[in-house]
Amino acid sequence: MVVVPILWTVLLAFQRLRLLNLRSAGLFGEFTLGNFDNVFGAPSFWSALATTLAYSVLGTAGAIGIGLAAALALRRPFRGRGFVRALMLLPYVAPIVAVTFAWTTMLNPQFGVTNHWGTRLLGWDEPIAFLSQRSSEVSLFGLTFGVPTALLTVIAFEAWRSFPFAFLFLTARLQAVPAVLEEAARVDGATLTQRFRHVLLPQLMPTIAVLAVLRFIWTFNSFDDIYLLTGGGAGTEVVAVSVFNSLTARGNIGEAAAQALVLAAILAVLVGLYLWRLAPREERS
């Protein structure tokens, strides 16, 4: 049952099939490489791939960074710590439809609370359409440059929604760090920053590495977050959304399957290189 869908996708990728002629084409139709030629020759695919990489890398880094900060902040016991830790899990366990609706309402340029306070307290000249505006001009130190507004917004959403997963792993690892290590560093006069850099961080790196691989894989394949927030518009179309659009909007089954195979191959290569880099030196040879 696991292999059948994969083989079916491979067969579809090498055939010129559309939804209209799927039943008449049969299982073994005319095989061709035309679907892959169309995929690799389309500028939209490379644009979607670049967006996918940016979304995956920044979303993964943001989720792990926020999770690490939250785990460190809630490390010491205090009254109500268990309740606060439980609250930290809400973004991850809440239904995706509910949280995307909340963000869409919050960021609405007409009645959203973000633009309401931004124009009144932060001095914004006009409301910002965070989910439908492709780019915004930002002036900093006398320089004006464009910022991908919608893409950064969905990246922020991904980091916010996924950080509880990293928070759980890192909290568990922090609790397993021997207290004697930090105490010895404190006695030796190490500052808070030095204790984190030389004592805690080396203990956390294996966990962070595993989190980076898992979160990158899941974010690279992410579809529902972006589709519910922007529909893939305003410069946020990732490859997963492109596959969906090829299948539903254009009815091109063969090209959609070809894109899916390319996506899987790229992900396998990237993860393989990453795991090889992390493997002990003797295992690489």
Protein backbone atom coordinates (compact mmCIF):
# COMPACT_ATOMS: atom_id res chain seq x y z
CA MET A 1 0.00 0.00 0.00
CA VAL A 2 2.92 2.35 0.55
CA VAL A 3 4.59 1.60 -2.79
CA VAL A 4 1.48 1.69 -5.00
CA PRO A 5 0.84 5.48 -4.81
CA ILE A 6 4.52 6.15 -5.54
CA LEU A 7 4.54 3.85 -8.58
CA TRP A 8 1.28 5.36 -9.77
CA THR A 9 2.77 8.87 -9.56
CA VAL A 10 5.85 7.75 -11.51
CA LEU A 11 3.67 6.27 -14.26
CA LEU A 12 1.59 9.43 -14.50
CA ALA A 13 4.67 11.66 -14.67
CA PHE A 14 5.81 10.00 -17.91
CA GLN A 15 2.47 10.24 -19.70
CA ARG A 16 0.60 13.14 -21.25
CA LEU A 17 -2.57 12.87 -19.24
CA ARG A 18 -5.32 15.29 -18.41
CA LEU A 19 -8.35 14.84 -16.22
CA LEU A 20 -10.58 14.57 -19.29
CA ASN A 21 -8.78 11.59 -20.82
CA LEU A 22 -7.60 9.79 -17.67
CA ARG A 23 -10.14 6.96 -17.93
CA SER A 24 -9.56 6.31 -21.64
CA ALA A 25 -5.75 6.45 -21.40
CA GLY A 26 -5.43 3.30 -19.31
CA LEU A 27 -2.60 2.33 -17.01
CA PHE A 28 0.15 2.12 -19.64
CA GLY A 29 -0.30 4.88 -22.17
CA GLU A 30 2.24 6.57 -24.40
CA PHE A 31 5.34 7.36 -22.34
CA THR A 32 7.19 10.62 -22.86
CA LEU A 33 9.61 13.04 -21.20
CA GLY A 34 7.56 16.01 -22.32
CA ASN A 35 6.18 16.69 -18.86
CA PHE A 36 9.66 17.14 -17.43
CA ASP A 37 10.63 19.35 -20.38
CA ASN A 38 7.65 21.56 -19.60
CA VAL A 39 8.49 21.66 -15.89
CA PHE A 40 12.17 22.52 -16.28
CA GLY A 41 11.46 24.96 -19.11
CA ALA A 42 8.85 26.95 -17.19
CA PRO A 43 10.15 30.05 -15.35
CA SER A 44 7.21 29.71 -12.95
CA PHE A 45 8.59 26.39 -11.67
CA TRP A 46 12.00 27.86 -10.85
CA SER A 47 10.33 30.82 -9.18
CA ALA A 48 8.18 28.46 -7.10
CA LEU A 49 11.26 26.40 -6.21
CA ALA A 50 13.17 29.49 -5.04
CA THR A 51 10.16 30.54 -2.98
CA THR A 52 9.95 27.03 -1.50
CA LEU A 53 13.62 27.08 -0.46
CA ALA A 54 13.33 30.54 1.11
CA TYR A 55 10.12 29.58 2.89
CA SER A 56 11.59 26.30 4.18
CA VAL A 57 14.94 27.66 5.37
CA LEU A 58 13.60 30.80 7.03
CA GLY A 59 10.53 29.06 8.45
CA THR A 60 12.65 26.28 9.93
CA ALA A 61 15.19 28.70 11.39
CA GLY A 62 12.44 30.87 12.85
CA ALA A 63 10.59 27.94 14.44
CA ILE A 64 13.74 26.55 16.06
CA GLY A 65 14.90 30.00 17.18
CA ILE A 66 11.58 30.86 18.83
CA GLY A 67 11.34 27.38 20.35
CA LEU A 68 14.84 27.68 21.81
CA ALA A 69 14.12 31.13 23.26
CA ALA A 70 10.87 29.89 24.82
CA ALA A 71 12.54 26.78 26.26
CA LEU A 72 15.29 28.86 27.85
CA ALA A 73 12.83 31.44 29.20
CA LEU A 74 10.70 28.75 30.88
CA ARG A 75 13.57 26.66 32.15
CA ARG A 76 13.58 27.89 35.76
CA PRO A 77 10.65 26.88 38.01
CA PHE A 78 8.04 29.53 38.84
CA ARG A 79 4.40 29.57 39.84
CA GLY A 80 2.22 28.71 36.87
CA ARG A 81 5.04 27.43 34.67
CA GLY A 82 3.08 24.32 33.68
CA PHE A 83 0.14 26.44 32.54
CA VAL A 84 2.39 28.72 30.49
CA ARG A 85 4.06 25.72 28.87
CA ALA A 86 0.64 24.34 27.96
CA LEU A 87 -0.28 27.67 26.35
CA MET A 88 2.86 27.44 24.24
CA LEU A 89 1.43 24.38 22.51
CA LEU A 90 -1.74 26.09 21.27
CA PRO A 91 -0.41 27.25 17.88
CA TYR A 92 0.69 23.70 17.05
CA VAL A 93 -2.39 21.79 18.24
CA ALA A 94 -5.06 24.25 17.09
CA PRO A 95 -6.84 23.38 13.81
CA ILE A 96 -5.10 24.92 10.81
CA VAL A 97 -8.36 26.41 9.52
CA ALA A 98 -8.93 28.20 12.84
CA VAL A 99 -5.46 29.72 13.11
CA THR A 100 -5.32 30.82 9.46
CA PHE A 101 -8.72 32.47 9.88
CA ALA A 102 -7.45 34.27 12.99
CA TRP A 103 -4.36 35.52 11.15
CA THR A 104 -6.37 36.55 8.09
CA THR A 105 -8.73 38.56 10.28
CA MET A 106 -5.92 40.07 12.33
CA LEU A 107 -3.99 41.18 9.23
CA ASN A 108 -6.97 42.42 7.23
CA PRO A 109 -6.14 45.89 5.81
CA GLN A 110 -9.68 47.21 6.43
CA PHE A 111 -10.57 46.04 9.93
CA GLY A 112 -7.59 44.03 11.19
CA VAL A 113 -6.15 44.89 14.59
CA THR A 114 -2.58 44.92 13.23
CA ASN A 115 -3.23 47.76 10.80
CA HIS A 116 -5.45 49.52 13.34
CA TRP A 117 -2.60 49.87 15.82
CA GLY A 118 0.05 50.23 13.15
CA THR A 119 -1.49 53.35 11.65
CA ARG A 120 -2.23 54.88 15.06
CA LEU A 121 0.80 53.97 17.15
CA LEU A 122 3.58 53.04 14.73
CA GLY A 123 3.07 55.86 12.27
CA TRP A 124 2.20 53.80 9.19
CA ASP A 125 1.06 56.04 6.35
CA GLU A 126 -1.55 53.55 5.19
CA PRO A 127 -2.74 50.03 6.01
CA ILE A 128 -0.61 47.15 4.73
CA ALA A 129 -2.18 44.24 2.87
CA PHE A 130 0.09 41.64 4.45
CA LEU A 131 -1.42 38.66 2.62
CA SER A 132 -2.11 40.15 -0.81
CA GLN A 133 0.69 42.67 -1.30
CA ARG A 134 3.68 41.23 -3.15
CA SER A 135 6.24 43.76 -1.90
CA SER A 136 6.57 46.96 0.10
CA GLU A 137 9.17 49.68 -0.04
CA VAL A 138 11.13 50.14 3.18
CA SER A 139 13.55 52.98 3.90
CA LEU A 140 16.45 52.27 6.22
CA PHE A 141 19.54 54.42 6.77
CA GLY A 142 18.67 56.47 3.71
CA LEU A 143 18.29 53.40 1.48
CA THR A 144 15.00 52.27 -0.03
CA PHE A 145 14.50 48.63 -0.95
CA GLY A 146 11.65 46.24 -1.59
CA VAL A 147 10.52 43.70 1.00
CA PRO A 148 8.47 40.61 0.00
CA THR A 149 5.52 41.38 2.27
CA ALA A 150 3.28 38.37 1.69
CA LEU A 151 6.17 35.89 1.66
CA LEU A 152 7.59 37.19 4.94
CA THR A 153 4.11 37.05 6.45
CA VAL A 154 3.59 33.37 5.62
CA ILE A 155 7.13 32.63 6.85
CA ALA A 156 6.28 34.34 10.14
CA PHE A 157 3.09 32.27 10.34
CA GLU A 158 5.04 29.06 9.72
CA ALA A 159 7.57 29.92 12.44
CA TRP A 160 4.82 30.83 14.91
CA ARG A 161 2.75 27.72 14.21
CA SER A 162 5.70 25.29 14.31
CA PHE A 163 7.80 26.61 17.20
CA PRO A 164 5.94 24.53 19.87
CA PHE A 165 7.32 21.35 18.28
CA ALA A 166 10.88 22.63 18.73
CA PHE A 167 9.96 23.96 22.17
CA LEU A 168 8.96 20.47 23.37
CA PHE A 169 12.13 18.80 22.12
CA LEU A 170 14.46 21.48 23.45
CA THR A 171 12.71 21.67 26.81
CA ALA A 172 13.15 17.93 27.27
CA ARG A 173 16.82 18.15 26.31
CA LEU A 174 17.46 21.10 28.64
CA GLN A 175 16.02 19.18 31.56
CA ALA A 176 18.48 16.36 30.84
CA VAL A 177 21.56 18.62 30.94
CA PRO A 178 23.49 17.89 34.18
CA ALA A 179 23.28 20.86 36.53
CA VAL A 180 26.88 20.27 37.59
CA LEU A 181 28.12 21.46 34.20
CA GLU A 182 26.55 24.89 34.55
CA GLU A 183 27.50 25.13 38.19
CA ALA A 184 31.15 24.42 37.38
CA ALA A 185 31.12 27.07 34.66
CA ARG A 186 29.51 29.57 37.04
CA VAL A 187 32.17 28.89 39.67
CA ASP A 188 34.85 29.46 37.04
CA GLY A 189 33.40 32.92 36.41
CA ALA A 190 31.62 32.27 33.11
CA THR A 191 28.95 34.81 32.18
CA LEU A 192 25.40 33.89 31.20
CA THR A 193 26.27 34.19 27.51
CA GLN A 194 29.41 32.09 27.93
CA ARG A 195 27.52 29.38 29.80
CA PHE A 196 24.98 29.19 27.02
CA ARG A 197 27.58 29.15 24.25
CA HIS A 198 30.06 26.72 25.78
CA VAL A 199 27.87 24.54 28.02
CA LEU A 200 24.24 24.47 26.90
CA LEU A 201 24.57 24.91 23.14
CA PRO A 202 26.90 21.90 22.61
CA GLN A 203 24.42 19.79 24.57
CA LEU A 204 21.54 21.03 22.42
CA MET A 205 23.17 20.77 18.98
CA PRO A 206 22.24 17.11 18.28
CA THR A 207 18.61 17.90 19.08
CA ILE A 208 18.70 21.08 17.00
CA ALA A 209 20.15 19.11 14.07
CA VAL A 210 17.32 16.57 14.21
CA LEU A 211 14.75 19.36 14.49
CA ALA A 212 16.28 21.14 11.51
CA VAL A 213 15.96 18.05 9.31
CA LEU A 214 12.40 17.25 10.38
CA ARG A 215 11.12 20.80 10.17
CA PHE A 216 12.79 21.38 6.80
CA ILE A 217 11.15 18.27 5.34
CA TRP A 218 7.71 19.21 6.64
CA THR A 219 8.00 22.87 5.64
CA PHE A 220 9.36 21.99 2.19
CA ASN A 221 6.22 19.91 1.58
CA SER A 222 3.87 22.40 3.23
CA PHE A 223 0.69 23.21 1.33
CA ASP A 224 -2.26 24.00 3.58
CA ASP A 225 -0.70 26.96 5.42
CA ILE A 226 0.09 28.96 2.30
CA TYR A 227 -3.00 27.91 0.38
CA LEU A 228 -5.34 28.97 3.18
CA LEU A 229 -3.54 32.27 3.80
CA THR A 230 -2.78 33.53 0.28
CA GLY A 231 -3.84 30.86 -2.19
CA GLY A 232 -0.30 30.97 -3.51
CA GLY A 233 -0.67 34.54 -4.76
CA ALA A 234 1.43 37.64 -4.16
CA GLY A 235 4.73 35.82 -4.64
CA THR A 236 4.01 32.97 -2.20
CA GLU A 237 3.47 30.09 -4.63
CA VAL A 238 5.58 27.15 -3.47
CA VAL A 239 6.03 23.96 -5.50
CA ALA A 240 3.32 22.12 -3.54
CA VAL A 241 0.79 24.82 -4.47
CA SER A 242 2.04 24.74 -8.07
CA VAL A 243 1.39 20.99 -8.20
CA PHE A 244 -2.13 21.52 -6.87
CA ASN A 245 -2.83 24.28 -9.41
CA SER A 246 -1.53 22.14 -12.29
CA LEU A 247 -3.87 19.35 -11.24
CA THR A 248 -7.04 21.29 -10.40
CA ALA A 249 -6.89 24.55 -12.35
CA ARG A 250 -5.31 23.20 -15.56
CA GLY A 251 -6.26 19.54 -15.25
CA ASN A 252 -2.76 18.49 -16.28
CA ILE A 253 -2.18 15.26 -14.36
CA GLY A 254 1.10 14.37 -16.05
CA GLU A 255 2.76 17.71 -15.39
CA ALA A 256 1.52 17.77 -11.80
CA ALA A 257 2.99 14.30 -11.21
CA ALA A 258 6.28 15.37 -12.82
CA GLN A 259 6.51 18.39 -10.51
CA ALA A 260 5.79 16.16 -7.53
CA LEU A 261 8.60 13.78 -8.52
CA VAL A 262 11.05 16.65 -8.98
CA LEU A 263 10.05 18.01 -5.58
CA ALA A 264 10.63 14.62 -3.95
CA ALA A 265 13.99 14.17 -5.69
CA ILE A 266 15.26 17.60 -4.64
CA LEU A 267 14.18 17.00 -1.06
CA ALA A 268 15.85 13.57 -1.00
CA VAL A 269 19.14 15.02 -2.28
CA LEU A 270 19.16 17.93 0.17
CA VAL A 271 18.32 15.79 3.17
CA GLY A 272 20.81 13.12 2.08
CA LEU A 273 23.62 15.68 1.86
CA TYR A 274 22.65 17.12 5.23
CA LEU A 275 22.63 13.74 6.94
CA TRP A 276 25.92 12.78 5.28
CA ARG A 277 27.46 16.00 6.56
CA LEU A 278 26.31 15.21 10.10
CA ALA A 279 27.46 11.60 10.00
CA PRO A 280 30.71 10.62 11.76
CA ARG A 281 33.79 10.83 9.55
CA GLU A 282 34.27 7.05 9.43
CA GLU A 283 30.70 6.55 8.16
CA ARG A 284 31.20 8.97 5.24
CA SER A 285 33.93 6.83 3.76
